[in-house]
Amino acid sequence: MLMRDSDPLARCDTAAHMGDAMRDMPLTADTVSPPEPRAYRGVNWDGLRALYIREVRRFWKVGLQTLAAPLFAFTDVLQ
């Protein structure tokens, strides 16, 4: 089936499928301002403690890969 110029689907000059999808967006880049930088005050000690505990537990969980495997690989190289 051939499309005619009068067919609304054949027109390429307008984005009929978009409609007013981005009506809330500004029209120019000059009106958009970058976000304000965050102010970090101090250290999040609870988060740091949780991260430390999680990483230590992970280290012991995969201890064979982190400690024994490199040791065996090194002894194989020496032979």
N, C-alpha and C. Protein backbone atom coordinates (compact mmCIF):
# COMPACT_ATOMS: atom_id res chain seq x y z
N MET A 1 0.83 -1.17 0.00
CA MET A 1 0.00 0.00 0.00
C MET A 1 0.89 1.24 0.00
N LEU A 2 0.65 2.13 -0.93
CA LEU A 2 1.42 3.35 -1.05
C LEU A 2 0.81 4.45 -0.19
N MET A 3 1.68 5.26 0.44
CA MET A 3 1.19 6.37 1.25
C MET A 3 1.10 7.62 0.39
N ARG A 4 0.07 8.38 0.61
CA ARG A 4 -0.11 9.62 -0.13
C ARG A 4 0.31 10.79 0.73
N ASP A 5 0.53 11.95 0.10
CA ASP A 5 0.92 13.15 0.84
C ASP A 5 -0.18 13.61 1.79
N SER A 6 -1.42 13.28 1.49
CA SER A 6 -2.51 13.69 2.36
C SER A 6 -2.66 12.79 3.58
N ASP A 7 -1.98 11.65 3.56
CA ASP A 7 -2.05 10.71 4.68
C ASP A 7 -1.29 11.30 5.88
N PRO A 8 -1.88 11.34 7.09
CA PRO A 8 -1.19 11.92 8.24
C PRO A 8 0.05 11.14 8.66
N LEU A 9 0.12 9.87 8.33
CA LEU A 9 1.30 9.09 8.69
C LEU A 9 2.48 9.37 7.77
N ALA A 10 2.22 9.91 6.59
CA ALA A 10 3.27 10.13 5.61
C ALA A 10 4.03 11.42 5.87
N ARG A 11 3.46 12.36 6.65
CA ARG A 11 4.14 13.62 6.90
C ARG A 11 5.33 13.44 7.83
N CYS A 12 6.46 13.98 7.47
CA CYS A 12 7.67 13.87 8.29
C CYS A 12 8.05 15.18 8.94
N ASP A 13 7.37 16.28 8.61
CA ASP A 13 7.75 17.58 9.13
C ASP A 13 7.29 17.78 10.57
N THR A 14 6.32 17.04 11.03
CA THR A 14 5.85 17.16 12.41
C THR A 14 5.92 15.82 13.09
N ALA A 15 6.14 15.85 14.36
CA ALA A 15 6.18 14.63 15.15
C ALA A 15 4.80 14.41 15.76
N ALA A 16 3.90 13.88 14.98
CA ALA A 16 2.53 13.70 15.42
C ALA A 16 2.44 12.72 16.57
N HIS A 17 3.34 11.77 16.61
CA HIS A 17 3.28 10.78 17.66
C HIS A 17 3.74 11.34 19.01
N MET A 18 4.51 12.43 19.00
CA MET A 18 4.99 13.01 20.25
C MET A 18 3.93 13.89 20.90
N GLY A 19 3.20 14.63 20.11
CA GLY A 19 2.18 15.50 20.66
C GLY A 19 2.80 16.52 21.61
N ASP A 20 2.27 16.61 22.80
CA ASP A 20 2.80 17.52 23.82
C ASP A 20 3.47 16.73 24.93
N ALA A 21 4.25 15.74 24.57
CA ALA A 21 4.84 14.84 25.56
C ALA A 21 5.80 15.55 26.50
N MET A 22 6.52 16.56 25.99
CA MET A 22 7.52 17.23 26.82
C MET A 22 7.13 18.69 27.05
N ARG A 23 5.91 18.92 27.36
CA ARG A 23 5.42 20.26 27.55
C ARG A 23 6.06 20.93 28.77
N ASP A 24 6.41 20.16 29.79
CA ASP A 24 6.98 20.74 31.00
C ASP A 24 8.47 21.05 30.88
N MET A 25 9.12 20.65 29.81
CA MET A 25 10.54 20.90 29.63
C MET A 25 10.76 22.31 29.10
N PRO A 26 11.84 22.98 29.52
CA PRO A 26 12.11 24.32 28.99
C PRO A 26 12.50 24.25 27.52
N LEU A 27 12.26 25.34 26.84
CA LEU A 27 12.52 25.38 25.41
C LEU A 27 13.98 25.65 25.08
N THR A 28 14.69 26.35 25.94
CA THR A 28 16.09 26.68 25.67
C THR A 28 16.97 26.15 26.78
N ALA A 29 18.25 25.98 26.45
CA ALA A 29 19.21 25.48 27.43
C ALA A 29 19.58 26.56 28.44
N ASP A 30 19.30 27.83 28.13
CA ASP A 30 19.66 28.92 29.05
C ASP A 30 18.83 28.90 30.32
N THR A 31 17.65 28.34 30.27
CA THR A 31 16.78 28.34 31.43
C THR A 31 17.08 27.20 32.39
N VAL A 32 17.90 26.25 31.98
CA VAL A 32 18.24 25.12 32.83
C VAL A 32 19.49 25.44 33.62
N SER A 33 19.40 25.31 34.94
CA SER A 33 20.56 25.57 35.78
C SER A 33 21.08 24.23 36.32
N PRO A 34 22.38 24.12 36.50
CA PRO A 34 22.94 22.88 37.03
C PRO A 34 22.54 22.69 38.49
N PRO A 35 22.54 21.45 38.97
CA PRO A 35 22.18 21.21 40.37
C PRO A 35 23.22 21.80 41.32
N GLU A 36 22.77 22.17 42.49
CA GLU A 36 23.67 22.71 43.51
C GLU A 36 24.55 21.58 44.05
N PRO A 37 25.81 21.86 44.35
CA PRO A 37 26.67 20.82 44.93
C PRO A 37 26.20 20.45 46.34
N ARG A 38 26.40 19.22 46.69
CA ARG A 38 25.99 18.74 48.01
C ARG A 38 27.00 19.18 49.06
N ALA A 39 26.52 19.43 50.24
CA ALA A 39 27.40 19.79 51.35
C ALA A 39 27.51 18.58 52.27
N TYR A 40 28.67 17.97 52.29
CA TYR A 40 28.90 16.82 53.16
C TYR A 40 29.52 17.33 54.45
N ARG A 41 28.83 17.11 55.53
CA ARG A 41 29.32 17.57 56.82
C ARG A 41 29.73 16.37 57.66
N GLY A 42 31.01 16.17 57.84
CA GLY A 42 31.50 15.09 58.68
C GLY A 42 31.49 13.75 57.98
N VAL A 43 31.62 12.71 58.77
CA VAL A 43 31.70 11.34 58.27
C VAL A 43 30.46 10.59 58.70
N ASN A 44 29.90 9.83 57.81
CA ASN A 44 28.77 8.98 58.13
C ASN A 44 29.32 7.72 58.80
N TRP A 45 29.47 7.77 60.11
CA TRP A 45 30.11 6.68 60.85
C TRP A 45 29.30 5.40 60.80
N ASP A 46 27.97 5.50 60.85
CA ASP A 46 27.14 4.29 60.78
C ASP A 46 27.30 3.61 59.42
N GLY A 47 27.32 4.39 58.36
CA GLY A 47 27.50 3.82 57.04
C GLY A 47 28.88 3.23 56.84
N LEU A 48 29.90 3.91 57.37
CA LEU A 48 31.27 3.42 57.27
C LEU A 48 31.43 2.11 58.03
N ARG A 49 30.82 2.02 59.21
CA ARG A 49 30.89 0.79 60.01
C ARG A 49 30.19 -0.35 59.28
N ALA A 50 29.01 -0.09 58.71
CA ALA A 50 28.27 -1.12 57.99
C ALA A 50 29.06 -1.60 56.77
N LEU A 51 29.69 -0.67 56.05
CA LEU A 51 30.49 -1.05 54.89
C LEU A 51 31.70 -1.89 55.31
N TYR A 52 32.35 -1.50 56.40
CA TYR A 52 33.51 -2.24 56.89
C TYR A 52 33.12 -3.67 57.28
N ILE A 53 32.03 -3.80 58.04
CA ILE A 53 31.60 -5.13 58.47
C ILE A 53 31.22 -5.99 57.28
N ARG A 54 30.52 -5.40 56.32
CA ARG A 54 30.11 -6.15 55.13
C ARG A 54 31.32 -6.63 54.34
N GLU A 55 32.32 -5.79 54.19
CA GLU A 55 33.50 -6.18 53.42
C GLU A 55 34.34 -7.22 54.16
N VAL A 56 34.45 -7.12 55.47
CA VAL A 56 35.20 -8.12 56.23
C VAL A 56 34.51 -9.48 56.14
N ARG A 57 33.19 -9.48 56.25
CA ARG A 57 32.45 -10.74 56.13
C ARG A 57 32.60 -11.33 54.74
N ARG A 58 32.57 -10.49 53.72
CA ARG A 58 32.75 -10.97 52.35
C ARG A 58 34.14 -11.55 52.17
N PHE A 59 35.14 -10.90 52.76
CA PHE A 59 36.51 -11.38 52.66
C PHE A 59 36.64 -12.77 53.26
N TRP A 60 36.06 -12.99 54.43
CA TRP A 60 36.17 -14.30 55.06
C TRP A 60 35.32 -15.34 54.35
N LYS A 61 34.24 -14.91 53.71
CA LYS A 61 33.38 -15.83 52.99
C LYS A 61 34.10 -16.40 51.77
N VAL A 62 34.89 -15.59 51.12
CA VAL A 62 35.62 -16.04 49.94
C VAL A 62 37.11 -16.14 50.25
N GLY A 63 37.44 -16.54 51.45
CA GLY A 63 38.83 -16.62 51.89
C GLY A 63 39.69 -17.54 51.06
N LEU A 64 39.10 -18.63 50.59
CA LEU A 64 39.88 -19.57 49.79
C LEU A 64 40.36 -18.92 48.50
N GLN A 65 39.50 -18.12 47.87
CA GLN A 65 39.91 -17.46 46.64
C GLN A 65 40.88 -16.31 46.91
N THR A 66 40.72 -15.62 48.03
CA THR A 66 41.54 -14.43 48.27
C THR A 66 42.88 -14.76 48.89
N LEU A 67 42.97 -15.85 49.62
CA LEU A 67 44.25 -16.17 50.29
C LEU A 67 44.91 -17.42 49.73
N ALA A 68 44.18 -18.53 49.67
CA ALA A 68 44.79 -19.80 49.31
C ALA A 68 45.11 -19.90 47.82
N ALA A 69 44.23 -19.45 46.97
CA ALA A 69 44.44 -19.59 45.53
C ALA A 69 45.70 -18.85 45.05
N PRO A 70 45.94 -17.59 45.45
CA PRO A 70 47.19 -16.94 45.03
C PRO A 70 48.43 -17.63 45.61
N LEU A 71 48.29 -18.16 46.81
CA LEU A 71 49.43 -18.87 47.42
C LEU A 71 49.76 -20.13 46.63
N PHE A 72 48.76 -20.90 46.24
CA PHE A 72 49.01 -22.10 45.44
C PHE A 72 49.54 -21.74 44.06
N ALA A 73 49.04 -20.66 43.46
CA ALA A 73 49.54 -20.24 42.16
C ALA A 73 51.00 -19.82 42.25
N PHE A 74 51.37 -19.15 43.33
CA PHE A 74 52.76 -18.71 43.51
C PHE A 74 53.68 -19.89 43.70
N THR A 75 53.24 -20.90 44.47
CA THR A 75 54.10 -22.08 44.67
C THR A 75 54.23 -22.88 43.38
N ASP A 76 53.23 -22.86 42.52
CA ASP A 76 53.34 -23.54 41.24
C ASP A 76 54.35 -22.85 40.34
N VAL A 77 54.45 -21.53 40.44
CA VAL A 77 55.41 -20.78 39.63
C VAL A 77 56.84 -21.09 40.08
N LEU A 78 57.04 -21.30 41.38
CA LEU A 78 58.38 -21.57 41.88
C LEU A 78 58.90 -22.94 41.47
N GLN A 79 58.02 -23.86 41.18
CA GLN A 79 58.48 -25.22 40.85
C GLN A 79 58.95 -25.36 39.45
